[in-house]
Amino acid sequence: MKRAYNIKDFNNVFPGHGGFYDRFDCQLIMTLCTFVHFRTFVQMSPMTVPQIMTLISLLSAGEQQQLLTQLQQHVTNI
């Protein structure tokens, strides 16, 4: 936008690195990308019991039995 109006900003503060707004624009873009990445791939959302039961129903009978066995062992060790 500043190029359209031929406005110079603080390009003397950081010689050879462009102006202040060039640096600031980059930070805004990276903040947005970081936020989207975090929300999509990193942040854990809590699961409800019905959601867990739905996932368990997708397992085969053998996998469900193995899960039950491991849960029983986990509960008895608590």
C-alpha atoms as a PDB file:
ATOM      1  CA  MET A   1       0.000   0.000   0.000  1.00  0.00           C
ATOM      2  CA  LYS A   2       2.798   2.437   0.810  1.00  0.00           C
ATOM      3  CA  ARG A   3       4.333   1.875  -2.619  1.00  0.00           C
ATOM      4  CA  ALA A   4       1.103   2.937  -4.288  1.00  0.00           C
ATOM      5  CA  TYR A   5       1.311   6.279  -2.456  1.00  0.00           C
ATOM      6  CA  ASN A   6       5.120   6.510  -2.768  1.00  0.00           C
ATOM      7  CA  ILE A   7       5.562   6.837   1.000  1.00  0.00           C
ATOM      8  CA  LYS A   8       8.920   6.130   2.606  1.00  0.00           C
ATOM      9  CA  ASP A   9       8.978   4.834   6.141  1.00  0.00           C
ATOM     10  CA  PHE A  10      11.816   4.042   8.551  1.00  0.00           C
ATOM     11  CA  ASN A  11      14.189   2.509   6.006  1.00  0.00           C
ATOM     12  CA  ASN A  12      17.132   4.401   7.541  1.00  0.00           C
ATOM     13  CA  VAL A  13      16.627   2.734  10.920  1.00  0.00           C
ATOM     14  CA  PHE A  14      17.496  -0.718   9.519  1.00  0.00           C
ATOM     15  CA  PRO A  15      19.792  -0.002   6.560  1.00  0.00           C
ATOM     16  CA  GLY A  16      19.654  -2.712   3.919  1.00  0.00           C
ATOM     17  CA  HIS A  17      16.649  -4.402   5.488  1.00  0.00           C
ATOM     18  CA  GLY A  18      13.777  -2.414   4.080  1.00  0.00           C
ATOM     19  CA  GLY A  19      11.530  -0.271   6.149  1.00  0.00           C
ATOM     20  CA  PHE A  20       9.609  -0.762   9.335  1.00  0.00           C
ATOM     21  CA  TYR A  21       6.400  -1.737   7.546  1.00  0.00           C
ATOM     22  CA  ASP A  22       8.225  -4.340   5.464  1.00  0.00           C
ATOM     23  CA  ARG A  23       9.309  -6.021   8.691  1.00  0.00           C
ATOM     24  CA  PHE A  24       5.939  -5.569  10.348  1.00  0.00           C
ATOM     25  CA  ASP A  25       4.010  -7.061   7.406  1.00  0.00           C
ATOM     26  CA  CYS A  26       6.148 -10.180   7.603  1.00  0.00           C
ATOM     27  CA  GLN A  27       5.399 -10.550  11.317  1.00  0.00           C
ATOM     28  CA  LEU A  28       1.666 -10.281  10.696  1.00  0.00           C
ATOM     29  CA  ILE A  29       1.755 -12.963   8.020  1.00  0.00           C
ATOM     30  CA  MET A  30       3.848 -15.302  10.176  1.00  0.00           C
ATOM     31  CA  THR A  31       1.554 -14.744  13.161  1.00  0.00           C
ATOM     32  CA  LEU A  32      -1.430 -15.754  11.060  1.00  0.00           C
ATOM     33  CA  CYS A  33       0.356 -18.834   9.686  1.00  0.00           C
ATOM     34  CA  THR A  34       1.494 -19.868  13.170  1.00  0.00           C
ATOM     35  CA  PHE A  35      -2.023 -19.460  14.566  1.00  0.00           C
ATOM     36  CA  VAL A  36      -3.577 -21.556  11.801  1.00  0.00           C
ATOM     37  CA  HIS A  37      -0.903 -24.264  12.172  1.00  0.00           C
ATOM     38  CA  PHE A  38      -1.366 -24.392  15.949  1.00  0.00           C
ATOM     39  CA  ARG A  39      -5.156 -24.577  15.774  1.00  0.00           C
ATOM     40  CA  THR A  40      -5.071 -27.224  13.027  1.00  0.00           C
ATOM     41  CA  PHE A  41      -2.240 -29.544  14.046  1.00  0.00           C
ATOM     42  CA  VAL A  42      -1.073 -28.864  17.602  1.00  0.00           C
ATOM     43  CA  GLN A  43      -3.891 -27.830  19.911  1.00  0.00           C
ATOM     44  CA  MET A  44      -5.581 -30.755  21.599  1.00  0.00           C
ATOM     45  CA  SER A  45      -9.333 -30.556  21.827  1.00  0.00           C
ATOM     46  CA  PRO A  46     -11.010 -32.410  24.673  1.00  0.00           C
ATOM     47  CA  MET A  47     -12.917 -35.540  23.677  1.00  0.00           C
ATOM     48  CA  THR A  48     -16.237 -36.499  25.146  1.00  0.00           C
ATOM     49  CA  VAL A  49     -17.214 -40.019  26.150  1.00  0.00           C
ATOM     50  CA  PRO A  50     -19.629 -40.390  23.184  1.00  0.00           C
ATOM     51  CA  GLN A  51     -16.819 -39.426  20.786  1.00  0.00           C
ATOM     52  CA  ILE A  52     -14.525 -42.023  22.363  1.00  0.00           C
ATOM     53  CA  MET A  53     -17.255 -44.667  22.142  1.00  0.00           C
ATOM     54  CA  THR A  54     -17.734 -43.871  18.459  1.00  0.00           C
ATOM     55  CA  LEU A  55     -14.022 -44.360  17.837  1.00  0.00           C
ATOM     56  CA  ILE A  56     -14.031 -47.633  19.787  1.00  0.00           C
ATOM     57  CA  SER A  57     -16.926 -48.912  17.677  1.00  0.00           C
ATOM     58  CA  LEU A  58     -14.718 -48.499  14.597  1.00  0.00           C
ATOM     59  CA  LEU A  59     -12.192 -51.002  15.999  1.00  0.00           C
ATOM     60  CA  SER A  60     -12.353 -54.683  15.151  1.00  0.00           C
ATOM     61  CA  ALA A  61     -13.566 -57.124  17.819  1.00  0.00           C
ATOM     62  CA  GLY A  62      -9.990 -58.216  18.545  1.00  0.00           C
ATOM     63  CA  GLU A  63      -8.810 -54.622  18.930  1.00  0.00           C
ATOM     64  CA  GLN A  64     -11.741 -53.848  21.216  1.00  0.00           C
ATOM     65  CA  GLN A  65     -10.837 -56.861  23.384  1.00  0.00           C
ATOM     66  CA  GLN A  66      -7.215 -55.725  23.520  1.00  0.00           C
ATOM     67  CA  LEU A  67      -8.332 -52.220  24.506  1.00  0.00           C
ATOM     68  CA  LEU A  68     -10.572 -53.633  27.247  1.00  0.00           C
ATOM     69  CA  THR A  69      -7.710 -55.732  28.618  1.00  0.00           C
ATOM     70  CA  GLN A  70      -5.336 -52.765  28.670  1.00  0.00           C
ATOM     71  CA  LEU A  71      -7.935 -50.534  30.331  1.00  0.00           C
ATOM     72  CA  GLN A  72      -8.545 -53.161  33.029  1.00  0.00           C
ATOM     73  CA  GLN A  73      -4.791 -53.391  33.681  1.00  0.00           C
ATOM     74  CA  HIS A  74      -4.532 -49.605  33.819  1.00  0.00           C
ATOM     75  CA  VAL A  75      -7.434 -49.280  36.259  1.00  0.00           C
ATOM     76  CA  THR A  76      -6.089 -51.993  38.591  1.00  0.00           C
ATOM     77  CA  ASN A  77      -2.668 -50.265  38.697  1.00  0.00           C
ATOM     78  CA  ILE A  78      -4.160 -46.950  39.830  1.00  0.00           C
END
